[in-house]
PDB file of N, CA and C in Angstrom:
ATOM      1  N   THR A   1     113.757 111.933 136.601  1.00  0.00           N
ATOM      2  CA  THR A   1     113.965 112.214 138.019  1.00  0.00           C
ATOM      3  C   THR A   1     113.303 111.131 138.874  1.00  0.00           C
ATOM      4  N   CYS A   2     113.890 110.890 140.026  1.00  0.00           N
ATOM      5  CA  CYS A   2     113.388 109.861 140.935  1.00  0.00           C
ATOM      6  C   CYS A   2     112.278 110.419 141.810  1.00  0.00           C
ATOM      7  N   PRO A   3     111.311 109.572 142.139  1.00  0.00           N
ATOM      8  CA  PRO A   3     110.324 110.017 143.132  1.00  0.00           C
ATOM      9  C   PRO A   3     110.961 110.027 144.521  1.00  0.00           C
ATOM     10  N   LEU A   4     110.311 110.680 145.449  1.00  0.00           N
ATOM     11  CA  LEU A   4     110.806 110.702 146.824  1.00  0.00           C
ATOM     12  C   LEU A   4     109.674 110.287 147.752  1.00  0.00           C
ATOM     13  N   LEU A   5     110.049 109.822 148.918  1.00  0.00           N
ATOM     14  CA  LEU A   5     109.055 109.493 149.943  1.00  0.00           C
ATOM     15  C   LEU A   5     108.816 110.750 150.758  1.00  0.00           C
ATOM     16  N   LEU A   6     107.607 111.274 150.681  1.00  0.00           N
ATOM     17  CA  LEU A   6     107.229 112.483 151.409  1.00  0.00           C
ATOM     18  C   LEU A   6     106.477 112.062 152.662  1.00  0.00           C
ATOM     19  N   ARG A   7     107.005 112.454 153.813  1.00  0.00           N
ATOM     20  CA  ARG A   7     106.339 112.162 155.087  1.00  0.00           C
ATOM     21  C   ARG A   7     105.483 113.367 155.446  1.00  0.00           C
ATOM     22  N   VAL A   8     104.168 113.142 155.448  1.00  0.00           N
ATOM     23  CA  VAL A   8     103.187 114.199 155.662  1.00  0.00           C
ATOM     24  C   VAL A   8     102.493 113.973 156.996  1.00  0.00           C
ATOM     25  N   PHE A   9     102.342 115.046 157.770  1.00  0.00           N
ATOM     26  CA  PHE A   9     101.637 114.984 159.049  1.00  0.00           C
ATOM     27  C   PHE A   9     100.470 115.961 158.977  1.00  0.00           C
ATOM     28  N   THR A  10      99.289 115.485 159.375  1.00  0.00           N
ATOM     29  CA  THR A  10      98.099 116.324 159.259  1.00  0.00           C
ATOM     30  C   THR A  10      97.449 116.554 160.619  1.00  0.00           C
ATOM     31  N   THR A  11      96.766 117.677 160.722  1.00  0.00           N
ATOM     32  CA  THR A  11      95.880 117.942 161.859  1.00  0.00           C
ATOM     33  C   THR A  11      94.548 118.349 161.250  1.00  0.00           C
ATOM     34  N   ASN A  12      93.471 118.207 162.004  1.00  0.00           N
ATOM     35  CA  ASN A  12      92.173 118.654 161.485  1.00  0.00           C
ATOM     36  C   ASN A  12      91.573 119.746 162.365  1.00  0.00           C
ATOM     37  N   ASN A  13      92.455 120.471 163.064  1.00  0.00           N
ATOM     38  CA  ASN A  13      91.985 121.557 163.937  1.00  0.00           C
ATOM     39  C   ASN A  13      92.422 122.930 163.422  1.00  0.00           C
ATOM     40  N   GLY A  14      92.987 122.969 162.218  1.00  0.00           N
ATOM     41  CA  GLY A  14      93.394 124.243 161.635  1.00  0.00           C
ATOM     42  C   GLY A  14      94.738 124.763 162.095  1.00  0.00           C
ATOM     43  N   ARG A  15      95.404 124.031 162.981  1.00  0.00           N
ATOM     44  CA  ARG A  15      96.722 124.464 163.477  1.00  0.00           C
ATOM     45  C   ARG A  15      97.771 123.424 163.139  1.00  0.00           C
ATOM     46  N   HIS A  16      98.998 123.899 162.920  1.00  0.00           N
ATOM     47  CA  HIS A  16     100.104 122.973 162.661  1.00  0.00           C
ATOM     48  C   HIS A  16     100.525 122.286 163.957  1.00  0.00           C
ATOM     49  N   HIS A  17     101.231 121.167 163.820  1.00  0.00           N
ATOM     50  CA  HIS A  17     101.771 120.481 164.996  1.00  0.00           C
ATOM     51  C   HIS A  17     102.780 121.387 165.700  1.00  0.00           C
ATOM     52  N   ARG A  18     102.928 121.181 166.993  1.00  0.00           N
ATOM     53  CA  ARG A  18     103.964 121.898 167.752  1.00  0.00           C
ATOM     54  C   ARG A  18     105.322 121.279 167.386  1.00  0.00           C
ATOM     55  N   MET A  19     106.355 122.103 167.387  1.00  0.00           N
ATOM     56  CA  MET A  19     107.676 121.597 167.003  1.00  0.00           C
ATOM     57  C   MET A  19     108.202 120.566 167.994  1.00  0.00           C
ATOM     58  N   ASP A  20     107.765 120.627 169.263  1.00  0.00           N
ATOM     59  CA  ASP A  20     108.255 119.625 170.215  1.00  0.00           C
ATOM     60  C   ASP A  20     107.704 118.229 169.901  1.00  0.00           C
ATOM     61  N   GLU A  21     106.667 118.143 169.065  1.00  0.00           N
ATOM     62  CA  GLU A  21     106.147 116.830 168.666  1.00  0.00           C
ATOM     63  C   GLU A  21     107.091 116.126 167.693  1.00  0.00           C
ATOM     64  N   PHE A  22     108.067 116.862 167.151  1.00  0.00           N
ATOM     65  CA  PHE A  22     109.048 116.291 166.232  1.00  0.00           C
ATOM     66  C   PHE A  22     110.406 116.072 166.907  1.00  0.00           C
ATOM     67  N   SER A  23     110.480 116.235 168.222  1.00  0.00           N
ATOM     68  CA  SER A  23     111.788 116.213 168.882  1.00  0.00           C
ATOM     69  C   SER A  23     112.263 114.806 169.216  1.00  0.00           C
ATOM     70  N   ARG A  24     113.557 114.676 169.333  1.00  0.00           N
ATOM     71  CA  ARG A  24     114.217 113.437 169.765  1.00  0.00           C
ATOM     72  C   ARG A  24     113.751 112.197 168.999  1.00  0.00           C
ATOM     73  N   GLY A  25     113.658 112.321 167.689  1.00  0.00           N
ATOM     74  CA  GLY A  25     113.309 111.168 166.867  1.00  0.00           C
ATOM     75  C   GLY A  25     111.830 110.829 166.851  1.00  0.00           C
ATOM     76  N   ASN A  26     111.021 111.565 167.597  1.00  0.00           N
ATOM     77  CA  ASN A  26     109.581 111.323 167.592  1.00  0.00           C
ATOM     78  C   ASN A  26     108.924 112.113 166.473  1.00  0.00           C
ATOM     79  N   VAL A  27     107.789 111.617 166.017  1.00  0.00           N
ATOM     80  CA  VAL A  27     106.967 112.350 165.054  1.00  0.00           C
ATOM     81  C   VAL A  27     105.512 112.183 165.477  1.00  0.00           C
ATOM     82  N   PRO A  28     104.636 113.100 165.065  1.00  0.00           N
ATOM     83  CA  PRO A  28     103.211 112.940 165.383  1.00  0.00           C
ATOM     84  C   PRO A  28     102.668 111.640 164.787  1.00  0.00           C
ATOM     85  N   SER A  29     101.584 111.136 165.339  1.00  0.00           N
ATOM     86  CA  SER A  29     101.053 109.836 164.904  1.00  0.00           C
ATOM     87  C   SER A  29     100.269 109.911 163.598  1.00  0.00           C
ATOM     88  N   SER A  30      99.910 111.094 163.163  1.00  0.00           N
ATOM     89  CA  SER A  30      99.045 111.245 161.981  1.00  0.00           C
ATOM     90  C   SER A  30      99.836 111.256 160.679  1.00  0.00           C
ATOM     91  N   GLU A  31     100.698 110.270 160.484  1.00  0.00           N
ATOM     92  CA  GLU A  31     101.598 110.283 159.329  1.00  0.00           C
ATOM     93  C   GLU A  31     100.984 109.630 158.097  1.00  0.00           C
ATOM     94  N   LEU A  32     101.139 110.317 156.967  1.00  0.00           N
ATOM     95  CA  LEU A  32     100.848 109.746 155.647  1.00  0.00           C
ATOM     96  C   LEU A  32     102.176 109.655 154.917  1.00  0.00           C
ATOM     97  N   GLN A  33     102.388 108.584 154.199  1.00  0.00           N
ATOM     98  CA  GLN A  33     103.595 108.484 153.385  1.00  0.00           C
ATOM     99  C   GLN A  33     103.162 108.503 151.929  1.00  0.00           C
ATOM    100  N   ILE A  34     103.703 109.465 151.188  1.00  0.00           N
ATOM    101  CA  ILE A  34     103.315 109.677 149.797  1.00  0.00           C
ATOM    102  C   ILE A  34     104.564 109.623 148.929  1.00  0.00           C
ATOM    103  N   TYR A  35     104.515 108.816 147.888  1.00  0.00           N
ATOM    104  CA  TYR A  35     105.591 108.843 146.897  1.00  0.00           C
ATOM    105  C   TYR A  35     105.231 109.905 145.874  1.00  0.00           C
ATOM    106  N   THR A  36     106.113 110.876 145.690  1.00  0.00           N
ATOM    107  CA  THR A  36     105.837 111.989 144.790  1.00  0.00           C
ATOM    108  C   THR A  36     107.135 112.528 144.237  1.00  0.00           C
ATOM    109  N   TRP A  37     107.065 113.650 143.549  1.00  0.00           N
ATOM    110  CA  TRP A  37     108.225 114.286 142.947  1.00  0.00           C
ATOM    111  C   TRP A  37     108.370 115.700 143.487  1.00  0.00           C
ATOM    112  N   MET A  38     109.549 116.283 143.286  1.00  0.00           N
ATOM    113  CA  MET A  38     109.804 117.644 143.759  1.00  0.00           C
ATOM    114  C   MET A  38     108.932 118.674 143.042  1.00  0.00           C
ATOM    115  N   ASP A  39     108.422 118.327 141.848  1.00  0.00           N
ATOM    116  CA  ASP A  39     107.575 119.278 141.137  1.00  0.00           C
ATOM    117  C   ASP A  39     106.084 119.063 141.426  1.00  0.00           C
ATOM    118  N   ALA A  40     105.775 118.284 142.477  1.00  0.00           N
ATOM    119  CA  ALA A  40     104.380 118.101 142.898  1.00  0.00           C
ATOM    120  C   ALA A  40     103.835 119.440 143.362  1.00  0.00           C
ATOM    121  N   THR A  41     102.609 119.751 142.944  1.00  0.00           N
ATOM    122  CA  THR A  41     101.994 121.018 143.345  1.00  0.00           C
ATOM    123  C   THR A  41     101.179 120.821 144.628  1.00  0.00           C
ATOM    124  N   LEU A  42     100.889 121.933 145.297  1.00  0.00           N
ATOM    125  CA  LEU A  42     100.078 121.858 146.504  1.00  0.00           C
ATOM    126  C   LEU A  42      98.690 121.299 146.180  1.00  0.00           C
ATOM    127  N   LYS A  43      98.148 121.621 145.007  1.00  0.00           N
ATOM    128  CA  LYS A  43      96.830 121.105 144.627  1.00  0.00           C
ATOM    129  C   LYS A  43      96.885 119.585 144.452  1.00  0.00           C
ATOM    130  N   GLU A  44      97.968 119.069 143.839  1.00  0.00           N
ATOM    131  CA  GLU A  44      98.123 117.614 143.687  1.00  0.00           C
ATOM    132  C   GLU A  44      98.228 116.942 145.058  1.00  0.00           C
ATOM    133  N   LEU A  45      98.982 117.535 145.953  1.00  0.00           N
ATOM    134  CA  LEU A  45      99.128 116.971 147.297  1.00  0.00           C
ATOM    135  C   LEU A  45      97.801 117.025 148.049  1.00  0.00           C
ATOM    136  N   THR A  46      97.035 118.093 147.848  1.00  0.00           N
ATOM    137  CA  THR A  46      95.702 118.190 148.447  1.00  0.00           C
ATOM    138  C   THR A  46      94.838 117.020 147.991  1.00  0.00           C
ATOM    139  N   SER A  47      94.875 116.717 146.696  1.00  0.00           N
ATOM    140  CA  SER A  47      94.078 115.602 146.154  1.00  0.00           C
ATOM    141  C   SER A  47      94.464 114.278 146.786  1.00  0.00           C
ATOM    142  N   LEU A  48      95.753 114.060 146.997  1.00  0.00           N
ATOM    143  CA  LEU A  48      96.210 112.811 147.617  1.00  0.00           C
ATOM    144  C   LEU A  48      95.730 112.703 149.060  1.00  0.00           C
ATOM    145  N   VAL A  49      95.762 113.813 149.798  1.00  0.00           N
ATOM    146  CA  VAL A  49      95.293 113.814 151.188  1.00  0.00           C
ATOM    147  C   VAL A  49      93.790 113.534 151.222  1.00  0.00           C
ATOM    148  N   LYS A  50      93.047 114.112 150.278  1.00  0.00           N
ATOM    149  CA  LYS A  50      91.590 113.917 150.245  1.00  0.00           C
ATOM    150  C   LYS A  50      91.222 112.458 149.946  1.00  0.00           C
ATOM    151  N   GLU A  51      92.102 111.723 149.242  1.00  0.00           N
ATOM    152  CA  GLU A  51      91.842 110.300 148.995  1.00  0.00           C
ATOM    153  C   GLU A  51      91.853 109.517 150.310  1.00  0.00           C
ATOM    154  N   VAL A  52      92.704 109.928 151.236  1.00  0.00           N
ATOM    155  CA  VAL A  52      92.848 109.228 152.510  1.00  0.00           C
ATOM    156  C   VAL A  52      91.817 109.700 153.537  1.00  0.00           C
ATOM    157  N   TYR A  53      91.483 110.984 153.509  1.00  0.00           N
ATOM    158  CA  TYR A  53      90.546 111.553 154.479  1.00  0.00           C
ATOM    159  C   TYR A  53      89.291 112.048 153.756  1.00  0.00           C
ATOM    160  N   PRO A  54      88.289 111.186 153.586  1.00  0.00           N
ATOM    161  CA  PRO A  54      87.078 111.587 152.855  1.00  0.00           C
ATOM    162  C   PRO A  54      86.403 112.831 153.418  1.00  0.00           C
ATOM    163  N   GLU A  55      86.502 113.061 154.737  1.00  0.00           N
ATOM    164  CA  GLU A  55      85.853 114.239 155.313  1.00  0.00           C
ATOM    165  C   GLU A  55      86.488 115.536 154.813  1.00  0.00           C
ATOM    166  N   ALA A  56      87.724 115.465 154.322  1.00  0.00           N
ATOM    167  CA  ALA A  56      88.411 116.659 153.810  1.00  0.00           C
ATOM    168  C   ALA A  56      87.971 117.007 152.387  1.00  0.00           C
ATOM    169  N   ARG A  57      87.108 116.179 151.804  1.00  0.00           N
ATOM    170  CA  ARG A  57      86.633 116.447 150.437  1.00  0.00           C
ATOM    171  C   ARG A  57      85.550 117.500 150.387  1.00  0.00           C
ATOM    172  N   LYS A  58      84.983 117.843 151.549  1.00  0.00           N
ATOM    173  CA  LYS A  58      83.892 118.824 151.578  1.00  0.00           C
ATOM    174  C   LYS A  58      84.351 120.148 150.982  1.00  0.00           C
ATOM    175  N   LYS A  59      83.495 120.723 150.157  1.00  0.00           N
ATOM    176  CA  LYS A  59      83.808 122.009 149.541  1.00  0.00           C
ATOM    177  C   LYS A  59      84.055 123.048 150.638  1.00  0.00           C
ATOM    178  N   GLY A  60      85.139 123.796 150.481  1.00  0.00           N
ATOM    179  CA  GLY A  60      85.458 124.825 151.464  1.00  0.00           C
ATOM    180  C   GLY A  60      86.454 124.385 152.521  1.00  0.00           C
ATOM    181  N   THR A  61      86.841 123.093 152.527  1.00  0.00           N
ATOM    182  CA  THR A  61      87.871 122.644 153.470  1.00  0.00           C
ATOM    183  C   THR A  61      89.187 123.334 153.108  1.00  0.00           C
ATOM    184  N   HIS A  62      89.860 123.873 154.095  1.00  0.00           N
ATOM    185  CA  HIS A  62      91.083 124.666 153.912  1.00  0.00           C
ATOM    186  C   HIS A  62      92.300 123.825 154.305  1.00  0.00           C
ATOM    187  N   PHE A  63      93.342 123.832 153.464  1.00  0.00           N
ATOM    188  CA  PHE A  63      94.584 123.098 153.718  1.00  0.00           C
ATOM    189  C   PHE A  63      95.726 124.105 153.782  1.00  0.00           C
ATOM    190  N   ASN A  64      96.385 124.195 154.938  1.00  0.00           N
ATOM    191  CA  ASN A  64      97.506 125.114 155.108  1.00  0.00           C
ATOM    192  C   ASN A  64      98.784 124.277 155.182  1.00  0.00           C
ATOM    193  N   PHE A  65      99.720 124.499 154.252  1.00  0.00           N
ATOM    194  CA  PHE A  65     100.931 123.694 154.127  1.00  0.00           C
ATOM    195  C   PHE A  65     102.127 124.378 154.786  1.00  0.00           C
ATOM    196  N   ALA A  66     102.950 123.564 155.450  1.00  0.00           N
ATOM    197  CA  ALA A  66     104.195 124.068 156.026  1.00  0.00           C
ATOM    198  C   ALA A  66     105.267 122.990 155.877  1.00  0.00           C
ATOM    199  N   ILE A  67     106.496 123.437 155.679  1.00  0.00           N
ATOM    200  CA  ILE A  67     107.643 122.531 155.655  1.00  0.00           C
ATOM    201  C   ILE A  67     108.242 122.531 157.053  1.00  0.00           C
ATOM    202  N   VAL A  68     108.492 121.329 157.586  1.00  0.00           N
ATOM    203  CA  VAL A  68     109.156 121.178 158.879  1.00  0.00           C
ATOM    204  C   VAL A  68     110.553 120.648 158.577  1.00  0.00           C
ATOM    205  N   PHE A  69     111.567 121.376 159.039  1.00  0.00           N
ATOM    206  CA  PHE A  69     112.942 121.016 158.693  1.00  0.00           C
ATOM    207  C   PHE A  69     113.850 121.147 159.904  1.00  0.00           C
ATOM    208  N   THR A  70     114.974 120.450 159.849  1.00  0.00           N
ATOM    209  CA  THR A  70     115.962 120.502 160.923  1.00  0.00           C
ATOM    210  C   THR A  70     116.606 121.879 160.944  1.00  0.00           C
ATOM    211  N   ASP A  71     116.690 122.453 162.135  1.00  0.00           N
ATOM    212  CA  ASP A  71     117.334 123.750 162.323  1.00  0.00           C
ATOM    213  C   ASP A  71     118.836 123.515 162.432  1.00  0.00           C
ATOM    214  N   LEU A  72     119.586 124.071 161.507  1.00  0.00           N
ATOM    215  CA  LEU A  72     121.035 123.851 161.505  1.00  0.00           C
ATOM    216  C   LEU A  72     121.761 124.698 162.545  1.00  0.00           C
ATOM    217  N   LYS A  73     121.112 125.749 163.046  1.00  0.00           N
ATOM    218  CA  LYS A  73     121.759 126.644 164.013  1.00  0.00           C
ATOM    219  C   LYS A  73     121.586 126.194 165.461  1.00  0.00           C
ATOM    220  N   ARG A  74     120.519 125.448 165.732  1.00  0.00           N
ATOM    221  CA  ARG A  74     120.281 124.959 167.092  1.00  0.00           C
ATOM    222  C   ARG A  74     119.522 123.636 166.998  1.00  0.00           C
ATOM    223  N   PRO A  75     119.555 122.832 168.057  1.00  0.00           N
ATOM    224  CA  PRO A  75     118.879 121.535 167.973  1.00  0.00           C
ATOM    225  C   PRO A  75     117.370 121.688 167.820  1.00  0.00           C
ATOM    226  N   GLY A  76     116.786 120.789 167.087  1.00  0.00           N
ATOM    227  CA  GLY A  76     115.336 120.803 166.927  1.00  0.00           C
ATOM    228  C   GLY A  76     114.910 121.114 165.514  1.00  0.00           C
ATOM    229  N   TYR A  77     113.640 121.418 165.383  1.00  0.00           N
ATOM    230  CA  TYR A  77     113.035 121.661 164.075  1.00  0.00           C
ATOM    231  C   TYR A  77     112.479 123.067 163.988  1.00  0.00           C
ATOM    232  N   ARG A  78     112.338 123.533 162.761  1.00  0.00           N
ATOM    233  CA  ARG A  78     111.685 124.813 162.479  1.00  0.00           C
ATOM    234  C   ARG A  78     110.576 124.557 161.479  1.00  0.00           C
ATOM    235  N   VAL A  79     109.659 125.498 161.376  1.00  0.00           N
ATOM    236  CA  VAL A  79     108.539 125.367 160.439  1.00  0.00           C
ATOM    237  C   VAL A  79     108.503 126.598 159.545  1.00  0.00           C
ATOM    238  N   LYS A  80     108.166 126.366 158.276  1.00  0.00           N
ATOM    239  CA  LYS A  80     108.015 127.471 157.324  1.00  0.00           C
ATOM    240  C   LYS A  80     106.708 127.253 156.584  1.00  0.00           C
ATOM    241  N   GLU A  81     105.735 128.148 156.813  1.00  0.00           N
ATOM    242  CA  GLU A  81     104.469 128.043 156.083  1.00  0.00           C
ATOM    243  C   GLU A  81     104.722 128.398 154.629  1.00  0.00           C
ATOM    244  N   ILE A  82     104.143 127.589 153.716  1.00  0.00           N
ATOM    245  CA  ILE A  82     104.433 127.816 152.298  1.00  0.00           C
ATOM    246  C   ILE A  82     103.209 128.153 151.457  1.00  0.00           C
ATOM    247  N   GLY A  83     102.015 127.849 151.922  1.00  0.00           N
ATOM    248  CA  GLY A  83     100.854 128.172 151.111  1.00  0.00           C
ATOM    249  C   GLY A  83      99.632 127.404 151.552  1.00  0.00           C
ATOM    250  N   SER A  84      98.515 127.646 150.840  1.00  0.00           N
ATOM    251  CA  SER A  84      97.280 126.968 151.210  1.00  0.00           C
ATOM    252  C   SER A  84      96.426 126.695 149.977  1.00  0.00           C
ATOM    253  N   THR A  85      95.545 125.712 150.126  1.00  0.00           N
ATOM    254  CA  THR A  85      94.586 125.363 149.079  1.00  0.00           C
ATOM    255  C   THR A  85      93.216 125.216 149.736  1.00  0.00           C
ATOM    256  N   MET A  86      92.186 125.136 148.895  1.00  0.00           N
ATOM    257  CA  MET A  86      90.844 124.937 149.409  1.00  0.00           C
ATOM    258  C   MET A  86      90.090 123.973 148.500  1.00  0.00           C
ATOM    259  N   SER A  87      89.382 123.023 149.108  1.00  0.00           N
ATOM    260  CA  SER A  87      88.575 122.074 148.334  1.00  0.00           C
ATOM    261  C   SER A  87      87.504 122.817 147.556  1.00  0.00           C
ATOM    262  N   GLY A  88      87.415 122.504 146.260  1.00  0.00           N
ATOM    263  CA  GLY A  88      86.351 123.061 145.444  1.00  0.00           C
ATOM    264  C   GLY A  88      86.553 124.495 145.004  1.00  0.00           C
ATOM    265  N   ARG A  89      87.734 125.046 145.210  1.00  0.00           N
ATOM    266  CA  ARG A  89      87.977 126.435 144.823  1.00  0.00           C
ATOM    267  C   ARG A  89      89.404 126.595 144.310  1.00  0.00           C
ATOM    268  N   LYS A  90      89.564 127.333 143.220  1.00  0.00           N
ATOM    269  CA  LYS A  90      90.910 127.607 142.703  1.00  0.00           C
ATOM    270  C   LYS A  90      91.571 128.671 143.577  1.00  0.00           C
ATOM    271  N   GLY A  91      92.894 128.544 143.719  1.00  0.00           N
ATOM    272  CA  GLY A  91      93.619 129.511 144.539  1.00  0.00           C
ATOM    273  C   GLY A  91      94.979 129.831 143.946  1.00  0.00           C
ATOM    274  N   THR A  92      95.591 130.885 144.442  1.00  0.00           N
ATOM    275  CA  THR A  92      96.875 131.338 143.902  1.00  0.00           C
ATOM    276  C   THR A  92      98.017 130.378 144.236  1.00  0.00           C
ATOM    277  N   ASP A  93      97.882 129.593 145.318  1.00  0.00           N
ATOM    278  CA  ASP A  93      98.962 128.684 145.712  1.00  0.00           C
ATOM    279  C   ASP A  93      98.830 127.287 145.093  1.00  0.00           C
ATOM    280  N   ASP A  94      97.751 127.028 144.339  1.00  0.00           N
ATOM    281  CA  ASP A  94      97.495 125.687 143.803  1.00  0.00           C
ATOM    282  C   ASP A  94      98.679 125.121 143.015  1.00  0.00           C
ATOM    283  N   SER A  95      99.319 125.963 142.207  1.00  0.00           N
ATOM    284  CA  SER A  95     100.375 125.467 141.328  1.00  0.00           C
ATOM    285  C   SER A  95     101.775 125.571 141.942  1.00  0.00           C
ATOM    286  N   MET A  96     101.853 125.994 143.197  1.00  0.00           N
ATOM    287  CA  MET A  96     103.143 126.072 143.887  1.00  0.00           C
ATOM    288  C   MET A  96     103.714 124.660 144.057  1.00  0.00           C
ATOM    289  N   THR A  97     105.010 124.505 143.811  1.00  0.00           N
ATOM    290  CA  THR A  97     105.632 123.176 143.937  1.00  0.00           C
ATOM    291  C   THR A  97     106.506 123.099 145.185  1.00  0.00           C
ATOM    292  N   LEU A  98     106.799 121.871 145.598  1.00  0.00           N
ATOM    293  CA  LEU A  98     107.714 121.665 146.724  1.00  0.00           C
ATOM    294  C   LEU A  98     109.067 122.297 146.414  1.00  0.00           C
ATOM    295  N   GLN A  99     109.553 122.049 145.193  1.00  0.00           N
ATOM    296  CA  GLN A  99     110.865 122.556 144.795  1.00  0.00           C
ATOM    297  C   GLN A  99     110.927 124.078 144.863  1.00  0.00           C
ATOM    298  N   SER A 100     109.857 124.755 144.426  1.00  0.00           N
ATOM    299  CA  SER A 100     109.860 126.227 144.415  1.00  0.00           C
ATOM    300  C   SER A 100     109.941 126.791 145.829  1.00  0.00           C
ATOM    301  N   GLN A 101     109.586 125.982 146.828  1.00  0.00           N
ATOM    302  CA  GLN A 101     109.614 126.442 148.218  1.00  0.00           C
ATOM    303  C   GLN A 101     110.845 125.943 148.973  1.00  0.00           C
ATOM    304  N   LYS A 102     111.836 125.479 148.233  1.00  0.00           N
ATOM    305  CA  LYS A 102     113.120 125.036 148.793  1.00  0.00           C
ATOM    306  C   LYS A 102     112.974 123.791 149.684  1.00  0.00           C
ATOM    307  N   PHE A 103     111.975 122.952 149.380  1.00  0.00           N
ATOM    308  CA  PHE A 103     111.819 121.688 150.095  1.00  0.00           C
ATOM    309  C   PHE A 103     113.060 120.837 149.837  1.00  0.00           C
ATOM    310  N   GLN A 104     113.572 120.207 150.877  1.00  0.00           N
ATOM    311  CA  GLN A 104     114.726 119.313 150.757  1.00  0.00           C
ATOM    312  C   GLN A 104     114.266 117.894 151.088  1.00  0.00           C
ATOM    313  N   ILE A 105     114.800 116.914 150.371  1.00  0.00           N
ATOM    314  CA  ILE A 105     114.469 115.531 150.685  1.00  0.00           C
ATOM    315  C   ILE A 105     114.892 115.277 152.132  1.00  0.00           C
ATOM    316  N   GLY A 106     113.993 114.725 152.923  1.00  0.00           N
ATOM    317  CA  GLY A 106     114.230 114.523 154.354  1.00  0.00           C
ATOM    318  C   GLY A 106     113.398 115.467 155.216  1.00  0.00           C
ATOM    319  N   ASP A 107     112.953 116.580 154.628  1.00  0.00           N
ATOM    320  CA  ASP A 107     112.048 117.482 155.356  1.00  0.00           C
ATOM    321  C   ASP A 107     110.690 116.807 155.480  1.00  0.00           C
ATOM    322  N   TYR A 108     109.868 117.306 156.392  1.00  0.00           N
ATOM    323  CA  TYR A 108     108.494 116.824 156.539  1.00  0.00           C
ATOM    324  C   TYR A 108     107.553 117.891 155.995  1.00  0.00           C
ATOM    325  N   LEU A 109     106.346 117.454 155.665  1.00  0.00           N
ATOM    326  CA  LEU A 109     105.290 118.386 155.289  1.00  0.00           C
ATOM    327  C   LEU A 109     104.215 118.303 156.361  1.00  0.00           C
ATOM    328  N   ASP A 110     103.822 119.446 156.898  1.00  0.00           N
ATOM    329  CA  ASP A 110     102.774 119.498 157.916  1.00  0.00           C
ATOM    330  C   ASP A 110     101.585 120.222 157.301  1.00  0.00           C
ATOM    331  N   ILE A 111     100.416 119.577 157.314  1.00  0.00           N
ATOM    332  CA  ILE A 111      99.228 120.175 156.710  1.00  0.00           C
ATOM    333  C   ILE A 111      98.154 120.348 157.775  1.00  0.00           C
ATOM    334  N   ALA A 112      97.798 121.605 158.027  1.00  0.00           N
ATOM    335  CA  ALA A 112      96.724 121.921 158.966  1.00  0.00           C
ATOM    336  C   ALA A 112      95.432 121.996 158.158  1.00  0.00           C
ATOM    337  N   ILE A 113      94.519 121.074 158.431  1.00  0.00           N
ATOM    338  CA  ILE A 113      93.257 120.998 157.710  1.00  0.00           C
ATOM    339  C   ILE A 113      92.164 121.652 158.558  1.00  0.00           C
ATOM    340  N   THR A 114      91.436 122.576 157.949  1.00  0.00           N
ATOM    341  CA  THR A 114      90.339 123.254 158.644  1.00  0.00           C
ATOM    342  C   THR A 114      89.032 122.913 157.944  1.00  0.00           C
ATOM    343  N   PRO A 115      88.078 122.328 158.669  1.00  0.00           N
ATOM    344  CA  PRO A 115      86.780 122.021 158.061  1.00  0.00           C
ATOM    345  C   PRO A 115      86.102 123.292 157.542  1.00  0.00           C
ATOM    346  N   PRO A 116      85.196 123.141 156.561  1.00  0.00           N
ATOM    347  CA  PRO A 116      84.585 124.316 155.942  1.00  0.00           C
ATOM    348  C   PRO A 116      83.738 125.170 156.881  1.00  0.00           C
ATOM    349  N   ASN A 117      83.253 124.607 157.974  1.00  0.00           N
ATOM    350  CA  ASN A 117      82.402 125.388 158.872  1.00  0.00           C
ATOM    351  C   ASN A 117      83.202 126.193 159.890  1.00  0.00           C
ATOM    352  N   ARG A 118      84.528 126.105 159.830  1.00  0.00           N
ATOM    353  CA  ARG A 118      85.379 126.876 160.748  1.00  0.00           C
ATOM    354  C   ARG A 118      86.402 127.655 159.949  1.00  0.00           C
ATOM    355  N   ALA A 119      86.549 128.918 160.244  1.00  0.00           N
ATOM    356  CA  ALA A 119      87.545 129.731 159.545  1.00  0.00           C
ATOM    357  C   ALA A 119      88.937 129.324 160.005  1.00  0.00           C
ATOM    358  N   PRO A 120      89.909 129.262 159.078  1.00  0.00           N
ATOM    359  CA  PRO A 120      91.273 128.953 159.505  1.00  0.00           C
ATOM    360  C   PRO A 120      91.813 130.056 160.402  1.00  0.00           C
ATOM    361  N   PRO A 121      92.652 129.710 161.364  1.00  0.00           N
ATOM    362  CA  PRO A 121      93.219 130.764 162.221  1.00  0.00           C
ATOM    363  C   PRO A 121      94.051 131.724 161.371  1.00  0.00           C
ATOM    364  N   PRO A 122      93.956 133.019 161.627  1.00  0.00           N
ATOM    365  CA  PRO A 122      94.755 133.967 160.845  1.00  0.00           C
ATOM    366  C   PRO A 122      96.240 133.696 161.039  1.00  0.00           C
ATOM    367  N   SER A 123      97.009 133.819 159.967  1.00  0.00           N
ATOM    368  CA  SER A 123      98.448 133.520 160.007  1.00  0.00           C
ATOM    369  C   SER A 123      99.170 134.367 161.041  1.00  0.00           C
ATOM    370  N   SER A 124      98.761 135.611 161.205  1.00  0.00           N
ATOM    371  CA  SER A 124      99.471 136.498 162.121  1.00  0.00           C
ATOM    372  C   SER A 124      99.360 136.032 163.576  1.00  0.00           C
ATOM    373  N   ARG A 125      98.314 135.217 163.870  1.00  0.00           N
ATOM    374  CA  ARG A 125      98.168 134.758 165.242  1.00  0.00           C
ATOM    375  C   ARG A 125      98.709 133.361 165.441  1.00  0.00           C
ATOM    376  N   MET A 126      99.322 132.796 164.417  1.00  0.00           N
ATOM    377  CA  MET A 126      99.898 131.461 164.553  1.00  0.00           C
ATOM    378  C   MET A 126     101.024 131.528 165.579  1.00  0.00           C
ATOM    379  N   ARG A 127     101.198 130.463 166.309  1.00  0.00           N
ATOM    380  CA  ARG A 127     102.259 130.443 167.304  1.00  0.00           C
ATOM    381  C   ARG A 127     103.614 130.522 166.613  1.00  0.00           C
ATOM    382  N   PRO A 128     104.516 131.366 167.071  1.00  0.00           N
ATOM    383  CA  PRO A 128     105.850 131.402 166.473  1.00  0.00           C
ATOM    384  C   PRO A 128     106.641 130.178 166.943  1.00  0.00           C
ATOM    385  N   TYR A 129     107.357 129.555 166.040  1.00  0.00           N
ATOM    386  CA  TYR A 129     108.152 128.370 166.416  1.00  0.00           C
ATOM    387  C   TYR A 129     109.571 128.762 166.568  1.00  0.00           C
TER     388      TYR A 129
END
C-alpha cells in the first residue's frame, strides 16, 4: 500500500479549530505534514506530533483527534471527533486507525492538545459544528 500525505492541524488550548478557519481554501497556520498509512494508529500519530512539539511530551498531555472533511450536503467542512490519547498512559483509543474511522485521503486531521495541568474540555460542551 502507498503512504499518504496527512495534513494535521494542532491547537494547544484543548479545543479544535473552528470550521470557518478551513473555509474558502484557507487552513489554520499550525500545519504539520506527515507521510503515513491508513493503518496508522492514534498512538503512532501522537508520537509523531510529540517529535515536533517537545512540550507535548510531558506526561499527562491529552491529544483529542478529529477528522475534518468536506460536507457534501452543503458548502464548507464538518468535524468528527474520533478519539484521544494521553502522553505516558495507555488508553482504549491508542490502537484506533485512520481507516477504522472512515478517514478519506484528502481529509484533514485536527488535534486539540491539552497540557497536563489543564483538564480537557468535556466533549459534551464542545461547540457543535
